[in-house]
């Protein structure tokens, strides 16, 4: 019975990984387009700064320079690619494909920015955000009848941000806005759950998962400011990366042959996987209302198969 259980453990481990998948030509094209978008945004940022500093327009002396925002956000990615995959048991047991992987995340954070430059036509602001994030990773293989899921502990979320606004005049008319934000977080699992049609697989007590994720988010939008209400639409380039590390501590008692070798290999070295979304560019919509001076409430959405929805309360002073 112990040998049979060990074989089932090894069989479960081979279901946990797949070999390195080649990048699709379409994905490489999206990456190239994203890099071009980033270079264009940086060029526009530099040009706007030079024009604002050299132009005759005077800065707004009594404008609110600081902004503090409280942000709640839920997001996720379905059917993630797995460009990076390493498991030490691969030399002893065959690897199985057919995995579908999903990630969902809830973020709550505070963003603070300072307007370094503000004229009637140009606003340039820099800042950062700190807060917390909780993620859930799911992996399923319908053909093998396997489902696994992990929830992370609350992770410390941080990163810098920048904003450039080009407008006709303050508080009214058409405008173009460019935002960049970087997010980073890492946390161990707090709970693992799973199901296996064959009754085998690696039990949660025999392994521990650790997750780390980063996200580069560049958004360009064109909108109209009606005064108390502001509406905009555009697109976001989101370069998200999720890394998972699995550390095994399984009991090899009773295992023989390849099953024993696979268990010992898994116990000796961690398995590492990297995941990325299949689409980098997504649409972006936002609507903001200003019920009072120095106060704004904004809702935004990136309408994908797993919508990215955010609600922001901003105070300017």
Foldseek 3Di string as FASTA:
>chain_A
DLQVQLVLALVQVLAVWDDADDDDPVLVVQVVVVVVVVVVVVVVVVVVVVCQVPDPFDFDPPDFFKKKKKKKKKWKFWQWDWRDWDALLVVQDPHDDQKIKMKIKIWTKMWMKGFPTGTFFKTKIKTKMKGWMKMKMWMDHVVQQKIKMFIWDIWIKMWIKIKMKGAPGPQWFKIKMKIKIKIKTKTWTPDMDMDGPVPGYNDPVFKTKIKIKMKIKMWIWIWTGPRQKIKIKTKMFIWMKMKMKMAGRDDLPPHDDSSSVSNVSSNVDIIMIMTTHPHGMFMKIKMKGDPDPQWIWMWMWGDDPTIMIMIMIMGTD
